[in-house]
């Protein structure tokens, strides 16, 4: 994402002297960013509405109680926990990329008088 945005910003600076149909290109760029944000929102919705967090919290309660833990495969729970950590890390990185993209857009379009598309932080 970063490479694409940097290249796009460079092209904006290169083409600053030429007259282009900026209204159309801004709409296309907004659509692209909006599409990516929508994908992240959908992913967050799926994660929030899945039973993974509740399943892990149930596992934690069961393991800390007096249940025979020998019959429960701790590797399965560890794999689920690692999976959640990976998902969380991916979402945090994605959120940072979006904020970086928005900052680049804001700095490159500030001179053109265009407002930033989004300043929202993606919540995990």
N, C-alpha and C. Protein backbone atom coordinates (compact mmCIF):
# COMPACT_ATOMS: atom_id res chain seq x y z
N UNK A 1 0.82 -1.19 0.00
CA UNK A 1 0.00 0.00 0.00
C UNK A 1 0.87 1.26 0.00
N UNK A 2 1.88 1.24 0.82
CA UNK A 2 2.70 2.43 0.98
C UNK A 2 3.38 2.79 -0.33
N UNK A 3 3.93 1.80 -1.02
CA UNK A 3 4.61 2.06 -2.28
C UNK A 3 3.65 2.67 -3.29
N UNK A 4 2.45 2.14 -3.37
CA UNK A 4 1.45 2.66 -4.30
C UNK A 4 1.10 4.10 -3.98
N UNK A 5 0.90 4.39 -2.71
CA UNK A 5 0.54 5.75 -2.31
C UNK A 5 1.68 6.72 -2.56
N UNK A 6 2.90 6.29 -2.25
CA UNK A 6 4.05 7.16 -2.49
C UNK A 6 4.18 7.46 -3.98
N UNK A 7 4.04 6.45 -4.82
CA UNK A 7 4.10 6.67 -6.26
C UNK A 7 2.99 7.61 -6.72
N UNK A 8 1.81 7.44 -6.17
CA UNK A 8 0.68 8.29 -6.53
C UNK A 8 0.97 9.74 -6.13
N UNK A 9 1.50 9.92 -4.91
CA UNK A 9 1.84 11.28 -4.44
C UNK A 9 2.92 11.91 -5.31
N UNK A 10 3.91 11.11 -5.71
CA UNK A 10 4.96 11.62 -6.60
C UNK A 10 4.36 12.05 -7.93
N UNK A 11 3.42 11.26 -8.44
CA UNK A 11 2.80 11.62 -9.72
C UNK A 11 1.98 12.90 -9.57
N UNK A 12 1.38 13.10 -8.42
CA UNK A 12 0.65 14.35 -8.18
C UNK A 12 1.60 15.54 -8.23
N UNK A 13 2.73 15.40 -7.60
CA UNK A 13 3.70 16.49 -7.58
C UNK A 13 4.30 16.74 -8.96
N UNK A 14 4.52 15.67 -9.73
CA UNK A 14 5.05 15.80 -11.09
C UNK A 14 4.05 16.51 -11.99
N UNK A 15 2.78 16.16 -11.86
CA UNK A 15 1.74 16.68 -12.76
C UNK A 15 1.13 17.98 -12.25
N UNK A 16 1.70 18.58 -11.25
CA UNK A 16 1.13 19.78 -10.65
C UNK A 16 1.00 20.91 -11.67
N UNK A 17 1.93 20.99 -12.60
CA UNK A 17 1.92 22.07 -13.58
C UNK A 17 0.96 21.83 -14.74
N UNK A 18 0.51 20.61 -14.95
CA UNK A 18 -0.38 20.32 -16.06
C UNK A 18 -1.83 20.35 -15.60
N UNK A 19 -2.69 20.67 -16.52
CA UNK A 19 -4.12 20.74 -16.22
C UNK A 19 -4.75 19.37 -16.47
N UNK A 20 -5.33 18.81 -15.45
CA UNK A 20 -6.01 17.53 -15.59
C UNK A 20 -7.39 17.64 -14.99
N UNK A 21 -8.22 16.66 -15.28
CA UNK A 21 -9.56 16.62 -14.72
C UNK A 21 -9.46 16.07 -13.30
N UNK A 22 -9.17 16.95 -12.34
CA UNK A 22 -8.92 16.50 -10.97
C UNK A 22 -10.19 16.02 -10.30
N UNK A 23 -11.33 16.54 -10.68
CA UNK A 23 -12.57 16.11 -10.04
C UNK A 23 -12.79 14.62 -10.24
N UNK A 24 -12.58 14.15 -11.45
CA UNK A 24 -12.77 12.73 -11.75
C UNK A 24 -11.72 11.88 -11.04
N UNK A 25 -10.45 12.31 -11.08
CA UNK A 25 -9.41 11.50 -10.46
C UNK A 25 -9.56 11.47 -8.94
N UNK A 26 -10.00 12.56 -8.33
CA UNK A 26 -10.23 12.58 -6.89
C UNK A 26 -11.36 11.63 -6.53
N UNK A 27 -12.41 11.60 -7.33
CA UNK A 27 -13.51 10.68 -7.07
C UNK A 27 -13.04 9.24 -7.18
N UNK A 28 -12.23 8.94 -8.18
CA UNK A 28 -11.69 7.59 -8.33
C UNK A 28 -10.81 7.22 -7.15
N UNK A 29 -9.97 8.14 -6.70
CA UNK A 29 -9.09 7.88 -5.57
C UNK A 29 -9.91 7.69 -4.30
N UNK A 30 -10.92 8.51 -4.11
CA UNK A 30 -11.78 8.38 -2.94
C UNK A 30 -12.47 7.03 -2.96
N UNK A 31 -12.91 6.60 -4.12
CA UNK A 31 -13.58 5.31 -4.23
C UNK A 31 -12.63 4.19 -3.85
N UNK A 32 -11.39 4.28 -4.29
CA UNK A 32 -10.40 3.25 -3.98
C UNK A 32 -10.14 3.17 -2.48
N UNK A 33 -9.94 4.29 -1.83
CA UNK A 33 -9.70 4.31 -0.38
C UNK A 33 -10.96 3.85 0.34
N UNK A 34 -12.11 4.32 -0.12
CA UNK A 34 -13.38 3.92 0.51
C UNK A 34 -13.59 2.42 0.39
N UNK A 35 -13.20 1.84 -0.73
CA UNK A 35 -13.32 0.40 -0.92
C UNK A 35 -12.45 -0.35 0.07
N UNK A 36 -11.21 0.10 0.24
CA UNK A 36 -10.32 -0.55 1.20
C UNK A 36 -10.83 -0.42 2.62
N UNK A 37 -11.34 0.76 2.97
CA UNK A 37 -11.91 0.95 4.31
C UNK A 37 -13.11 0.05 4.53
N UNK A 38 -13.92 -0.11 3.50
CA UNK A 38 -15.10 -0.98 3.62
C UNK A 38 -14.67 -2.43 3.83
N UNK A 39 -13.62 -2.87 3.15
CA UNK A 39 -13.11 -4.23 3.35
C UNK A 39 -12.68 -4.43 4.80
N UNK A 40 -12.00 -3.43 5.35
CA UNK A 40 -11.54 -3.53 6.74
C UNK A 40 -12.73 -3.54 7.68
N UNK A 41 -13.73 -2.71 7.42
CA UNK A 41 -14.93 -2.70 8.28
C UNK A 41 -15.63 -4.06 8.25
N UNK A 42 -15.72 -4.65 7.07
CA UNK A 42 -16.36 -5.97 6.96
C UNK A 42 -15.56 -7.01 7.73
N UNK A 43 -14.24 -6.96 7.61
CA UNK A 43 -13.40 -7.91 8.33
C UNK A 43 -13.57 -7.73 9.83
N UNK A 44 -13.56 -6.49 10.30
CA UNK A 44 -13.77 -6.23 11.72
C UNK A 44 -15.12 -6.74 12.18
N UNK A 45 -16.14 -6.56 11.36
CA UNK A 45 -17.48 -7.05 11.70
C UNK A 45 -17.46 -8.56 11.86
N UNK A 46 -16.81 -9.25 10.92
CA UNK A 46 -16.74 -10.71 11.00
C UNK A 46 -15.99 -11.16 12.25
N UNK A 47 -14.90 -10.50 12.57
CA UNK A 47 -14.14 -10.87 13.76
C UNK A 47 -14.96 -10.61 15.02
N UNK A 48 -15.61 -9.45 15.09
CA UNK A 48 -16.40 -9.11 16.27
C UNK A 48 -17.59 -10.04 16.46
N UNK A 49 -18.16 -10.51 15.36
CA UNK A 49 -19.35 -11.34 15.45
C UNK A 49 -19.06 -12.83 15.36
N UNK A 50 -17.79 -13.18 15.32
CA UNK A 50 -17.45 -14.60 15.34
C UNK A 50 -17.44 -15.06 16.79
N UNK A 51 -17.36 -16.36 16.98
CA UNK A 51 -17.34 -16.87 18.34
C UNK A 51 -15.91 -17.11 18.83
N UNK A 52 -14.93 -16.64 18.13
CA UNK A 52 -13.54 -16.87 18.52
C UNK A 52 -13.21 -16.23 19.87
N UNK A 53 -13.49 -14.93 20.09
CA UNK A 53 -13.14 -14.37 21.40
C UNK A 53 -13.89 -15.04 22.55
N UNK A 54 -15.17 -15.33 22.35
CA UNK A 54 -15.92 -15.97 23.43
C UNK A 54 -15.42 -17.39 23.67
N UNK A 55 -15.01 -18.06 22.61
CA UNK A 55 -14.49 -19.42 22.76
C UNK A 55 -13.18 -19.40 23.55
N UNK A 56 -12.33 -18.44 23.29
CA UNK A 56 -11.06 -18.36 24.01
C UNK A 56 -11.30 -17.98 25.46
N UNK A 57 -12.21 -17.03 25.70
CA UNK A 57 -12.45 -16.66 27.10
C UNK A 57 -13.05 -17.82 27.86
N UNK A 58 -13.88 -18.64 27.20
CA UNK A 58 -14.43 -19.83 27.84
C UNK A 58 -13.31 -20.82 28.14
N UNK A 59 -12.39 -20.96 27.22
CA UNK A 59 -11.25 -21.86 27.42
C UNK A 59 -10.45 -21.42 28.62
N UNK A 60 -10.17 -20.13 28.73
CA UNK A 60 -9.41 -19.62 29.87
C UNK A 60 -10.10 -19.92 31.19
N UNK A 61 -11.40 -19.75 31.24
CA UNK A 61 -12.14 -20.06 32.48
C UNK A 61 -12.07 -21.54 32.78
N UNK A 62 -12.22 -22.37 31.75
CA UNK A 62 -12.20 -23.82 31.97
C UNK A 62 -10.84 -24.31 32.43
N UNK A 63 -9.77 -23.77 31.84
CA UNK A 63 -8.44 -24.22 32.21
C UNK A 63 -8.07 -23.79 33.62
N UNK A 64 -8.61 -22.66 34.07
CA UNK A 64 -8.25 -22.20 35.40
C UNK A 64 -9.13 -22.83 36.48
N UNK A 65 -10.16 -23.55 36.09
CA UNK A 65 -11.02 -24.19 37.08
C UNK A 65 -10.45 -25.56 37.43
N UNK A 66 -11.22 -26.34 38.16
CA UNK A 66 -10.75 -27.66 38.62
C UNK A 66 -11.05 -28.77 37.62
N UNK A 67 -11.22 -28.43 36.35
CA UNK A 67 -11.51 -29.43 35.32
C UNK A 67 -10.21 -30.19 35.01
N UNK A 68 -10.37 -31.46 34.64
CA UNK A 68 -9.20 -32.28 34.28
C UNK A 68 -8.62 -31.73 32.98
N UNK A 69 -7.53 -30.99 33.07
CA UNK A 69 -6.93 -30.37 31.89
C UNK A 69 -6.14 -31.37 31.06
N UNK A 70 -5.90 -32.55 31.57
CA UNK A 70 -5.17 -33.55 30.80
C UNK A 70 -5.93 -33.99 29.57
N UNK A 71 -7.26 -33.93 29.62
CA UNK A 71 -8.05 -34.36 28.48
C UNK A 71 -8.25 -33.25 27.46
N UNK A 72 -7.87 -32.03 27.81
CA UNK A 72 -8.04 -30.90 26.90
C UNK A 72 -6.70 -30.63 26.22
N UNK A 73 -6.76 -30.53 24.92
CA UNK A 73 -5.54 -30.28 24.15
C UNK A 73 -5.16 -28.81 24.25
N UNK A 74 -4.10 -28.53 24.99
CA UNK A 74 -3.65 -27.14 25.15
C UNK A 74 -3.10 -26.59 23.84
N UNK A 75 -2.60 -27.47 22.98
CA UNK A 75 -2.07 -27.01 21.70
C UNK A 75 -3.16 -26.35 20.87
N UNK A 76 -4.36 -26.89 20.92
CA UNK A 76 -5.48 -26.31 20.16
C UNK A 76 -5.74 -24.91 20.66
N UNK A 77 -5.78 -24.73 21.97
CA UNK A 77 -6.05 -23.42 22.53
C UNK A 77 -4.92 -22.45 22.23
N UNK A 78 -3.68 -22.94 22.27
CA UNK A 78 -2.54 -22.11 21.96
C UNK A 78 -2.61 -21.65 20.51
N UNK A 79 -2.96 -22.56 19.59
CA UNK A 79 -3.08 -22.21 18.18
C UNK A 79 -4.16 -21.16 17.99
N UNK A 80 -5.29 -21.29 18.69
CA UNK A 80 -6.34 -20.29 18.57
C UNK A 80 -5.87 -18.95 19.10
N UNK A 81 -5.13 -18.97 20.21
CA UNK A 81 -4.63 -17.74 20.79
C UNK A 81 -3.64 -17.06 19.85
N UNK A 82 -2.74 -17.83 19.25
CA UNK A 82 -1.79 -17.29 18.29
C UNK A 82 -2.53 -16.73 17.09
N UNK A 83 -3.56 -17.40 16.66
CA UNK A 83 -4.35 -16.93 15.54
C UNK A 83 -4.97 -15.57 15.85
N UNK A 84 -5.51 -15.42 17.05
CA UNK A 84 -6.09 -14.14 17.45
C UNK A 84 -5.02 -13.06 17.49
N UNK A 85 -3.83 -13.41 18.01
CA UNK A 85 -2.74 -12.44 18.05
C UNK A 85 -2.34 -12.02 16.64
N UNK A 86 -2.30 -12.97 15.71
CA UNK A 86 -1.95 -12.65 14.32
C UNK A 86 -3.00 -11.74 13.70
N UNK A 87 -4.26 -12.03 13.96
CA UNK A 87 -5.34 -11.21 13.42
C UNK A 87 -5.24 -9.80 13.99
N UNK A 88 -5.04 -9.70 15.29
CA UNK A 88 -4.93 -8.39 15.92
C UNK A 88 -3.75 -7.61 15.36
N UNK A 89 -2.62 -8.27 15.21
CA UNK A 89 -1.44 -7.62 14.66
C UNK A 89 -1.69 -7.15 13.23
N UNK A 90 -2.35 -7.98 12.44
CA UNK A 90 -2.67 -7.60 11.06
C UNK A 90 -3.59 -6.40 11.01
N UNK A 91 -4.59 -6.39 11.88
CA UNK A 91 -5.51 -5.25 11.91
C UNK A 91 -4.80 -3.97 12.35
N UNK A 92 -3.91 -4.08 13.32
CA UNK A 92 -3.16 -2.90 13.76
C UNK A 92 -2.29 -2.36 12.63
N UNK A 93 -1.62 -3.27 11.90
CA UNK A 93 -0.79 -2.84 10.78
C UNK A 93 -1.64 -2.19 9.69
N UNK A 94 -2.79 -2.80 9.41
CA UNK A 94 -3.68 -2.24 8.40
C UNK A 94 -4.16 -0.86 8.81
N UNK A 95 -4.51 -0.70 10.07
CA UNK A 95 -4.94 0.60 10.57
C UNK A 95 -3.82 1.63 10.41
N UNK A 96 -2.59 1.23 10.72
CA UNK A 96 -1.46 2.14 10.57
C UNK A 96 -1.25 2.51 9.11
N UNK A 97 -1.36 1.53 8.21
CA UNK A 97 -1.22 1.82 6.78
C UNK A 97 -2.28 2.82 6.32
N UNK A 98 -3.50 2.63 6.77
CA UNK A 98 -4.57 3.54 6.37
C UNK A 98 -4.30 4.94 6.89
N UNK A 99 -3.86 5.04 8.14
CA UNK A 99 -3.53 6.35 8.69
C UNK A 99 -2.37 6.98 7.94
N UNK A 100 -1.36 6.18 7.57
CA UNK A 100 -0.23 6.69 6.80
C UNK A 100 -0.69 7.17 5.42
N UNK A 101 -1.54 6.39 4.79
CA UNK A 101 -2.07 6.78 3.48
C UNK A 101 -2.85 8.08 3.60
N UNK A 102 -3.68 8.17 4.62
CA UNK A 102 -4.47 9.38 4.82
C UNK A 102 -3.57 10.59 5.07
N UNK A 103 -2.50 10.39 5.82
CA UNK A 103 -1.56 11.49 6.07
C UNK A 103 -0.88 11.92 4.77
N UNK A 104 -0.46 10.94 3.97
CA UNK A 104 0.15 11.27 2.68
C UNK A 104 -0.83 12.00 1.77
N UNK A 105 -2.07 11.52 1.77
CA UNK A 105 -3.09 12.19 0.96
C UNK A 105 -3.31 13.61 1.45
N UNK A 106 -3.37 13.77 2.76
CA UNK A 106 -3.60 15.10 3.33
C UNK A 106 -2.46 16.05 2.97
N UNK A 107 -1.23 15.58 3.09
CA UNK A 107 -0.09 16.46 2.80
C UNK A 107 0.03 16.75 1.31
N UNK A 108 -0.29 15.78 0.47
CA UNK A 108 -0.15 16.01 -0.98
C UNK A 108 -1.31 16.80 -1.55
N UNK A 109 -2.48 16.71 -0.93
CA UNK A 109 -3.64 17.42 -1.46
C UNK A 109 -3.89 18.73 -0.73
N UNK A 110 -3.13 19.00 0.33
CA UNK A 110 -3.31 20.25 1.09
C UNK A 110 -3.11 21.44 0.17
N UNK A 111 -2.13 21.32 -0.71
CA UNK A 111 -1.83 22.41 -1.64
C UNK A 111 -2.91 22.52 -2.71
N UNK A 112 -3.60 21.45 -3.00
CA UNK A 112 -4.64 21.47 -4.03
C UNK A 112 -5.99 21.87 -3.44
N UNK A 113 -6.09 22.01 -2.12
CA UNK A 113 -7.34 22.43 -1.49
C UNK A 113 -8.35 21.32 -1.34
N UNK A 114 -7.90 20.08 -1.26
CA UNK A 114 -8.80 18.94 -1.13
C UNK A 114 -8.77 18.47 0.32
N UNK A 115 -9.96 18.16 0.87
CA UNK A 115 -10.03 17.66 2.24
C UNK A 115 -9.57 16.21 2.30
N UNK A 116 -9.13 15.80 3.48
CA UNK A 116 -8.75 14.40 3.65
C UNK A 116 -9.98 13.52 3.62
N UNK A 117 -9.78 12.28 3.26
CA UNK A 117 -10.89 11.35 3.10
C UNK A 117 -11.38 10.84 4.44
N UNK A 118 -10.46 10.48 5.31
CA UNK A 118 -10.86 9.90 6.59
C UNK A 118 -9.77 10.14 7.62
N UNK A 119 -10.18 10.40 8.86
CA UNK A 119 -9.22 10.51 9.95
C UNK A 119 -9.60 9.56 11.07
N UNK A 120 -10.46 8.60 10.77
CA UNK A 120 -10.91 7.66 11.78
C UNK A 120 -9.85 6.59 12.00
N UNK A 121 -9.73 6.20 13.24
CA UNK A 121 -8.84 5.10 13.59
C UNK A 121 -9.67 3.83 13.58
N UNK A 122 -9.16 2.80 12.94
CA UNK A 122 -9.87 1.53 12.90
C UNK A 122 -9.72 0.87 14.26
N UNK A 123 -10.84 0.60 14.90
CA UNK A 123 -10.84 -0.01 16.23
C UNK A 123 -10.75 -1.52 16.12
N UNK A 124 -9.98 -2.12 16.98
CA UNK A 124 -9.82 -3.58 17.00
C UNK A 124 -10.75 -4.17 18.00
